[in-house]
Amino acid sequence: MSGLVVLQTGNKFRKSYYKHLPQATALKSGWSRQKFIVNTKIIYATGGGIAVAAIAIFFIFGNGSITPFHGNQNPGTGKPMNITLSVKNILATKLDDERASVQVIFSAHNPNENLATLETIEYRVYIGQLRMVGGNIGESPEGMVASQAGSYPIIGNSTVTLSQQPPPVAVRNNLTATAWDSMFAKDAKFRVEGAYSSRIIARLEQDTTLNEFSLTFP
């Protein structure tokens, strides 16, 4: 018989196949049921481990990869772009013959896709070389865990407007009279200078920047 070895020991015969034994034949040829079940479990465990490893490789290197930051970036730097600041309007309101509130309305744009936070704006308003008012918007966070109170979160690719409330007050005197009057003659040329701080989280890292600015209106 092909593939079959017959061994004689006394009056008893033992038959065994020397390769690829099916379950029934294996049990007949001296394999215990426990040993066969254990070997089968080892095969299943090995196959399961290979499947888990394949899924992990897919998520790491394939379409399932995780990228914490998906925002627009400066070409060649790999870093998120800063919030851009502009002056939307300046409203001068006369309180009396010697005082006027000057409300500066800022526009802050987040060019990234991820959330950014505008923390503070410190600014000064000039007409010519004369400083008319100065002000602050927002609060600087303190400590390792900064609170969002007093800050201005800006979602990705969006713009917010903000201003100081109540607005600062410009005083008319002998030095500022001409510039002060020009705010109500609608021919004032404003210059707004200062600095703003912003915070952006990218690639699990927090990037806080302080940016100076000099803007004109209109």
C-alpha atoms as a PDB file:
ATOM      1  CA  MET A   1       0.000   0.000   0.000  1.00  0.00           C
ATOM      2  CA  SER A   2       1.464   3.343  -1.071  1.00  0.00           C
ATOM      3  CA  GLY A   3       2.428   5.744   1.725  1.00  0.00           C
ATOM      4  CA  LEU A   4       1.772   3.147   4.400  1.00  0.00           C
ATOM      5  CA  VAL A   5       4.395   1.557   6.623  1.00  0.00           C
ATOM      6  CA  VAL A   6       3.440  -1.615   8.446  1.00  0.00           C
ATOM      7  CA  LEU A   7       5.489  -2.365  11.542  1.00  0.00           C
ATOM      8  CA  GLN A   8       5.171  -5.697  13.299  1.00  0.00           C
ATOM      9  CA  THR A   9       5.807  -5.992  17.002  1.00  0.00           C
ATOM     10  CA  GLY A  10       4.918  -9.428  18.361  1.00  0.00           C
ATOM     11  CA  ASN A  11       1.322 -10.212  17.260  1.00  0.00           C
ATOM     12  CA  LYS A  12       0.277  -6.554  17.021  1.00  0.00           C
ATOM     13  CA  PHE A  13       0.466  -4.215  14.092  1.00  0.00           C
ATOM     14  CA  ARG A  14       0.754  -0.435  14.199  1.00  0.00           C
ATOM     15  CA  LYS A  15      -0.049   1.609  11.152  1.00  0.00           C
ATOM     16  CA  SER A  16       1.114   5.207  10.636  1.00  0.00           C
ATOM     17  CA  TYR A  17       1.207   7.623   7.783  1.00  0.00           C
ATOM     18  CA  TYR A  18       4.428   9.528   7.524  1.00  0.00           C
ATOM     19  CA  LYS A  19       2.926  12.826   6.322  1.00  0.00           C
ATOM     20  CA  HIS A  20      -0.293  14.932   6.141  1.00  0.00           C
ATOM     21  CA  LEU A  21      -2.385  12.738   8.431  1.00  0.00           C
ATOM     22  CA  PRO A  22      -6.119  13.583   8.580  1.00  0.00           C
ATOM     23  CA  GLN A  23      -7.740  13.856  12.027  1.00  0.00           C
ATOM     24  CA  ALA A  24      -9.328  10.353  12.051  1.00  0.00           C
ATOM     25  CA  THR A  25      -6.118   8.628  10.878  1.00  0.00           C
ATOM     26  CA  ALA A  26      -4.004  10.672  13.283  1.00  0.00           C
ATOM     27  CA  LEU A  27      -6.104   9.561  16.218  1.00  0.00           C
ATOM     28  CA  LYS A  28      -5.847   5.930  15.071  1.00  0.00           C
ATOM     29  CA  SER A  29      -2.076   6.137  14.679  1.00  0.00           C
ATOM     30  CA  GLY A  30      -1.371   7.110  18.238  1.00  0.00           C
ATOM     31  CA  TRP A  31      -2.046  10.885  18.413  1.00  0.00           C
ATOM     32  CA  SER A  32      -4.066  11.871  21.434  1.00  0.00           C
ATOM     33  CA  ARG A  33      -7.168  14.043  20.949  1.00  0.00           C
ATOM     34  CA  GLN A  34      -5.751  16.608  23.386  1.00  0.00           C
ATOM     35  CA  LYS A  35      -2.528  16.969  21.392  1.00  0.00           C
ATOM     36  CA  PHE A  36      -4.458  17.412  18.142  1.00  0.00           C
ATOM     37  CA  ILE A  37      -6.720  20.129  19.620  1.00  0.00           C
ATOM     38  CA  VAL A  38      -3.733  21.980  21.072  1.00  0.00           C
ATOM     39  CA  ASN A  39      -1.950  21.965  17.698  1.00  0.00           C
ATOM     40  CA  THR A  40      -5.112  23.258  16.006  1.00  0.00           C
ATOM     41  CA  LYS A  41      -5.370  26.129  18.509  1.00  0.00           C
ATOM     42  CA  ILE A  42      -1.753  27.072  17.840  1.00  0.00           C
ATOM     43  CA  ILE A  43      -2.531  27.322  14.113  1.00  0.00           C
ATOM     44  CA  TYR A  44      -5.597  29.522  14.797  1.00  0.00           C
ATOM     45  CA  ALA A  45      -3.632  31.760  17.188  1.00  0.00           C
ATOM     46  CA  THR A  46      -0.828  32.211  14.658  1.00  0.00           C
ATOM     47  CA  GLY A  47      -3.302  33.091  11.910  1.00  0.00           C
ATOM     48  CA  GLY A  48      -5.080  35.589  14.179  1.00  0.00           C
ATOM     49  CA  GLY A  49      -1.779  37.276  15.060  1.00  0.00           C
ATOM     50  CA  ILE A  50      -0.915  37.723  11.385  1.00  0.00           C
ATOM     51  CA  ALA A  51      -4.344  39.277  10.719  1.00  0.00           C
ATOM     52  CA  VAL A  52      -3.968  41.761  13.601  1.00  0.00           C
ATOM     53  CA  ALA A  53      -0.489  42.741  12.393  1.00  0.00           C
ATOM     54  CA  ALA A  54      -1.799  43.285   8.859  1.00  0.00           C
ATOM     55  CA  ILE A  55      -4.605  45.565  10.134  1.00  0.00           C
ATOM     56  CA  ALA A  56      -2.120  47.573  12.232  1.00  0.00           C
ATOM     57  CA  ILE A  57       0.188  48.077   9.243  1.00  0.00           C
ATOM     58  CA  PHE A  58      -2.779  49.269   7.152  1.00  0.00           C
ATOM     59  CA  PHE A  59      -3.782  51.917   9.679  1.00  0.00           C
ATOM     60  CA  ILE A  60      -0.218  53.135  10.170  1.00  0.00           C
ATOM     61  CA  PHE A  61       0.883  53.309   6.550  1.00  0.00           C
ATOM     62  CA  GLY A  62      -2.355  53.148   4.577  1.00  0.00           C
ATOM     63  CA  ASN A  63      -5.509  55.248   4.318  1.00  0.00           C
ATOM     64  CA  GLY A  64      -6.182  54.868   8.028  1.00  0.00           C
ATOM     65  CA  SER A  65      -3.094  56.819   9.150  1.00  0.00           C
ATOM     66  CA  ILE A  66      -3.691  59.473  11.815  1.00  0.00           C
ATOM     67  CA  THR A  67      -2.454  63.002  11.140  1.00  0.00           C
ATOM     68  CA  PRO A  68      -3.221  65.380  14.036  1.00  0.00           C
ATOM     69  CA  PHE A  69      -2.774  68.535  11.928  1.00  0.00           C
ATOM     70  CA  HIS A  70      -4.309  68.967   8.473  1.00  0.00           C
ATOM     71  CA  GLY A  71      -4.071  72.731   8.140  1.00  0.00           C
ATOM     72  CA  ASN A  72      -2.585  74.974   5.495  1.00  0.00           C
ATOM     73  CA  GLN A  73       1.128  75.392   6.023  1.00  0.00           C
ATOM     74  CA  ASN A  74       3.887  77.719   4.969  1.00  0.00           C
ATOM     75  CA  PRO A  75       5.494  76.176   1.861  1.00  0.00           C
ATOM     76  CA  GLY A  76       8.706  74.409   2.755  1.00  0.00           C
ATOM     77  CA  THR A  77       8.436  74.932   6.529  1.00  0.00           C
ATOM     78  CA  GLY A  78       5.776  72.443   7.619  1.00  0.00           C
ATOM     79  CA  LYS A  79       4.504  74.936  10.224  1.00  0.00           C
ATOM     80  CA  PRO A  80       0.971  76.398  10.561  1.00  0.00           C
ATOM     81  CA  MET A  81       0.471  79.995   9.455  1.00  0.00           C
ATOM     82  CA  ASN A  82      -0.146  82.872  11.871  1.00  0.00           C
ATOM     83  CA  ILE A  83      -3.495  84.532  12.398  1.00  0.00           C
ATOM     84  CA  THR A  84      -3.762  87.627  10.179  1.00  0.00           C
ATOM     85  CA  LEU A  85      -5.041  90.873  11.683  1.00  0.00           C
ATOM     86  CA  SER A  86      -6.644  93.875   9.944  1.00  0.00           C
ATOM     87  CA  VAL A  87      -8.688  96.960  10.885  1.00  0.00           C
ATOM     88  CA  LYS A  88     -12.303  96.677   9.770  1.00  0.00           C
ATOM     89  CA  ASN A  89     -13.475 100.037  11.073  1.00  0.00           C
ATOM     90  CA  ILE A  90     -12.738 102.863  13.502  1.00  0.00           C
ATOM     91  CA  LEU A  91     -15.711 104.606  15.082  1.00  0.00           C
ATOM     92  CA  ALA A  92     -15.237 107.934  16.837  1.00  0.00           C
ATOM     93  CA  THR A  93     -18.138 109.008  19.048  1.00  0.00           C
ATOM     94  CA  LYS A  94     -18.151 112.472  20.641  1.00  0.00           C
ATOM     95  CA  LEU A  95     -18.960 112.334  24.341  1.00  0.00           C
ATOM     96  CA  ASP A  96     -18.633 116.076  24.915  1.00  0.00           C
ATOM     97  CA  ASP A  97     -16.560 118.959  23.581  1.00  0.00           C
ATOM     98  CA  GLU A  98     -13.326 117.534  24.996  1.00  0.00           C
ATOM     99  CA  ARG A  99     -13.776 113.759  25.004  1.00  0.00           C
ATOM    100  CA  ALA A 100     -14.533 111.130  22.359  1.00  0.00           C
ATOM    101  CA  SER A 101     -14.569 107.357  22.430  1.00  0.00           C
ATOM    102  CA  VAL A 102     -12.496 105.678  19.708  1.00  0.00           C
ATOM    103  CA  GLN A 103     -13.600 102.129  18.936  1.00  0.00           C
ATOM    104  CA  VAL A 104     -11.213 100.085  16.804  1.00  0.00           C
ATOM    105  CA  ILE A 105     -12.889  97.046  15.220  1.00  0.00           C
ATOM    106  CA  PHE A 106     -10.370  94.364  14.284  1.00  0.00           C
ATOM    107  CA  SER A 107     -10.797  91.416  11.925  1.00  0.00           C
ATOM    108  CA  ALA A 108      -8.804  88.300  12.802  1.00  0.00           C
ATOM    109  CA  HIS A 109      -8.540  85.517  10.220  1.00  0.00           C
ATOM    110  CA  ASN A 110      -7.351  81.941  10.861  1.00  0.00           C
ATOM    111  CA  PRO A 111      -5.891  80.587   7.560  1.00  0.00           C
ATOM    112  CA  ASN A 112      -5.407  77.067   8.952  1.00  0.00           C
ATOM    113  CA  GLU A 113      -7.909  74.222   9.091  1.00  0.00           C
ATOM    114  CA  ASN A 114      -7.286  73.594  12.800  1.00  0.00           C
ATOM    115  CA  LEU A 115      -8.553  75.713  15.655  1.00  0.00           C
ATOM    116  CA  ALA A 116      -6.478  78.761  16.596  1.00  0.00           C
ATOM    117  CA  THR A 117      -6.811  81.069  19.593  1.00  0.00           C
ATOM    118  CA  LEU A 118      -6.232  84.813  19.604  1.00  0.00           C
ATOM    119  CA  GLU A 119      -5.133  85.609  23.133  1.00  0.00           C
ATOM    120  CA  THR A 120      -4.418  89.340  23.337  1.00  0.00           C
ATOM    121  CA  ILE A 121      -4.155  92.487  21.241  1.00  0.00           C
ATOM    122  CA  GLU A 122      -2.276  95.513  22.557  1.00  0.00           C
ATOM    123  CA  TYR A 123      -2.746  98.560  20.303  1.00  0.00           C
ATOM    124  CA  ARG A 124      -2.185 102.307  19.954  1.00  0.00           C
ATOM    125  CA  VAL A 125      -4.061 104.654  17.610  1.00  0.00           C
ATOM    126  CA  TYR A 126      -2.255 107.572  15.940  1.00  0.00           C
ATOM    127  CA  ILE A 127      -3.288 110.450  13.728  1.00  0.00           C
ATOM    128  CA  GLY A 128      -0.107 111.722  12.166  1.00  0.00           C
ATOM    129  CA  GLN A 129       2.493 111.559  14.943  1.00  0.00           C
ATOM    130  CA  LEU A 130      -0.004 112.100  17.736  1.00  0.00           C
ATOM    131  CA  ARG A 131      -1.141 109.194  19.847  1.00  0.00           C
ATOM    132  CA  MET A 132      -4.881 109.521  20.378  1.00  0.00           C
ATOM    133  CA  VAL A 133      -5.720 106.386  22.404  1.00  0.00           C
ATOM    134  CA  GLY A 134      -4.337 103.003  23.387  1.00  0.00           C
ATOM    135  CA  GLY A 135      -6.042  99.806  24.488  1.00  0.00           C
ATOM    136  CA  ASN A 136      -5.988  96.077  25.149  1.00  0.00           C
ATOM    137  CA  ILE A 137      -8.231  93.219  24.084  1.00  0.00           C
ATOM    138  CA  GLY A 138      -8.182  89.773  25.706  1.00  0.00           C
ATOM    139  CA  GLU A 139      -6.185  88.366  28.609  1.00  0.00           C
ATOM    140  CA  SER A 140      -2.841  86.602  28.695  1.00  0.00           C
ATOM    141  CA  PRO A 141      -3.178  82.996  29.959  1.00  0.00           C
ATOM    142  CA  GLU A 142      -1.092  82.014  32.958  1.00  0.00           C
ATOM    143  CA  GLY A 143       0.223  78.628  34.082  1.00  0.00           C
ATOM    144  CA  MET A 144       0.767  75.375  32.241  1.00  0.00           C
ATOM    145  CA  VAL A 145      -2.954  74.839  31.623  1.00  0.00           C
ATOM    146  CA  ALA A 146      -4.305  78.034  30.084  1.00  0.00           C
ATOM    147  CA  SER A 147      -7.976  78.926  30.407  1.00  0.00           C
ATOM    148  CA  GLN A 148     -10.018  79.972  27.378  1.00  0.00           C
ATOM    149  CA  ALA A 149     -11.607  82.797  29.401  1.00  0.00           C
ATOM    150  CA  GLY A 150     -10.608  86.160  27.919  1.00  0.00           C
ATOM    151  CA  SER A 151      -9.311  84.534  24.705  1.00  0.00           C
ATOM    152  CA  TYR A 152     -10.912  84.289  21.279  1.00  0.00           C
ATOM    153  CA  PRO A 153     -11.000  80.840  19.631  1.00  0.00           C
ATOM    154  CA  ILE A 154     -11.205  80.968  15.819  1.00  0.00           C
ATOM    155  CA  ILE A 155     -12.218  77.862  13.880  1.00  0.00           C
ATOM    156  CA  GLY A 156     -10.278  76.952  10.748  1.00  0.00           C
ATOM    157  CA  ASN A 157     -10.596  79.128   7.621  1.00  0.00           C
ATOM    158  CA  SER A 158     -12.839  81.684   9.329  1.00  0.00           C
ATOM    159  CA  THR A 159     -12.760  85.314  10.480  1.00  0.00           C
ATOM    160  CA  VAL A 160     -13.988  86.983  13.664  1.00  0.00           C
ATOM    161  CA  THR A 161     -14.394  90.665  14.542  1.00  0.00           C
ATOM    162  CA  LEU A 162     -13.558  92.038  17.977  1.00  0.00           C
ATOM    163  CA  SER A 163     -13.091  95.326  19.767  1.00  0.00           C
ATOM    164  CA  GLN A 164     -12.450  96.689  23.228  1.00  0.00           C
ATOM    165  CA  GLN A 165     -15.480  97.343  25.410  1.00  0.00           C
ATOM    166  CA  PRO A 166     -15.846 100.034  26.564  1.00  0.00           C
ATOM    167  CA  PRO A 167     -13.645 101.729  23.957  1.00  0.00           C
ATOM    168  CA  PRO A 168     -10.820 104.024  25.054  1.00  0.00           C
ATOM    169  CA  VAL A 169     -11.377 107.774  25.203  1.00  0.00           C
ATOM    170  CA  ALA A 170      -9.413 110.442  23.291  1.00  0.00           C
ATOM    171  CA  VAL A 171      -9.050 113.835  24.973  1.00  0.00           C
ATOM    172  CA  ARG A 172      -9.040 117.128  23.048  1.00  0.00           C
ATOM    173  CA  ASN A 173      -6.400 119.649  24.135  1.00  0.00           C
ATOM    174  CA  ASN A 174      -4.164 122.283  22.576  1.00  0.00           C
ATOM    175  CA  LEU A 175      -1.795 119.626  21.214  1.00  0.00           C
ATOM    176  CA  THR A 176      -4.402 117.226  19.823  1.00  0.00           C
ATOM    177  CA  ALA A 177      -7.152 119.668  18.808  1.00  0.00           C
ATOM    178  CA  THR A 178      -6.559 119.480  15.026  1.00  0.00           C
ATOM    179  CA  ALA A 179      -6.233 115.675  14.984  1.00  0.00           C
ATOM    180  CA  TRP A 180      -9.214 115.316  17.348  1.00  0.00           C
ATOM    181  CA  ASP A 181     -11.409 117.508  15.129  1.00  0.00           C
ATOM    182  CA  SER A 182     -10.399 115.549  12.018  1.00  0.00           C
ATOM    183  CA  MET A 183     -12.089 112.418  13.404  1.00  0.00           C
ATOM    184  CA  PHE A 184     -15.468 114.163  13.047  1.00  0.00           C
ATOM    185  CA  ALA A 185     -14.630 115.920   9.797  1.00  0.00           C
ATOM    186  CA  LYS A 186     -14.285 112.391   8.304  1.00  0.00           C
ATOM    187  CA  ASP A 187     -10.813 113.099   6.953  1.00  0.00           C
ATOM    188  CA  ALA A 188      -8.700 111.510   9.692  1.00  0.00           C
ATOM    189  CA  LYS A 189      -5.998 109.072   8.576  1.00  0.00           C
ATOM    190  CA  PHE A 190      -5.487 106.538  11.339  1.00  0.00           C
ATOM    191  CA  ARG A 191      -2.461 104.365  12.021  1.00  0.00           C
ATOM    192  CA  VAL A 192      -2.861 101.459  14.425  1.00  0.00           C
ATOM    193  CA  GLU A 193       0.270  99.846  15.861  1.00  0.00           C
ATOM    194  CA  GLY A 194       0.796  97.144  18.440  1.00  0.00           C
ATOM    195  CA  ALA A 195       1.227  93.413  18.926  1.00  0.00           C
ATOM    196  CA  TYR A 196      -0.998  90.339  19.268  1.00  0.00           C
ATOM    197  CA  SER A 197      -0.391  86.873  20.650  1.00  0.00           C
ATOM    198  CA  SER A 198      -1.933  83.703  19.220  1.00  0.00           C
ATOM    199  CA  ARG A 199      -1.844  79.985  19.942  1.00  0.00           C
ATOM    200  CA  ILE A 200      -2.174  77.097  17.467  1.00  0.00           C
ATOM    201  CA  ILE A 201      -2.017  73.372  18.255  1.00  0.00           C
ATOM    202  CA  ALA A 202      -0.366  71.344  15.489  1.00  0.00           C
ATOM    203  CA  ARG A 203       1.068  67.810  15.526  1.00  0.00           C
ATOM    204  CA  LEU A 204       0.270  67.551  19.237  1.00  0.00           C
ATOM    205  CA  GLU A 205       2.455  70.601  19.932  1.00  0.00           C
ATOM    206  CA  GLN A 206       1.328  74.048  21.045  1.00  0.00           C
ATOM    207  CA  ASP A 207       2.752  76.933  19.031  1.00  0.00           C
ATOM    208  CA  THR A 208       2.411  80.364  20.698  1.00  0.00           C
ATOM    209  CA  THR A 209       3.582  83.444  18.806  1.00  0.00           C
ATOM    210  CA  LEU A 210       3.789  87.183  19.432  1.00  0.00           C
ATOM    211  CA  ASN A 211       3.405  89.308  16.298  1.00  0.00           C
ATOM    212  CA  GLU A 212       3.857  93.041  15.882  1.00  0.00           C
ATOM    213  CA  PHE A 213       1.672  94.974  13.422  1.00  0.00           C
ATOM    214  CA  SER A 214       1.266  98.417  11.872  1.00  0.00           C
ATOM    215  CA  LEU A 215      -2.033  99.015  10.053  1.00  0.00           C
ATOM    216  CA  THR A 216      -3.680 102.030   8.437  1.00  0.00           C
ATOM    217  CA  PHE A 217      -7.331 103.034   8.130  1.00  0.00           C
ATOM    218  CA  PRO A 218      -8.956 103.935   5.879  1.00  0.00           C
END
